[in-house]
Amino acid sequence: MADPYKTLGVARDATEADIKKAYRKLA
């Protein structure tokens, strides 16, 4: 299974907001 952190390009200690931002960029 792909590493979701690598897929989104965020660090493992990224905040939820960072992750959502990265997800929106990909979407």
Foldseek 3Di string as FASTA:
>chain_A
DDDLCVVLVHDPPDDPVVSVVSVVVVD
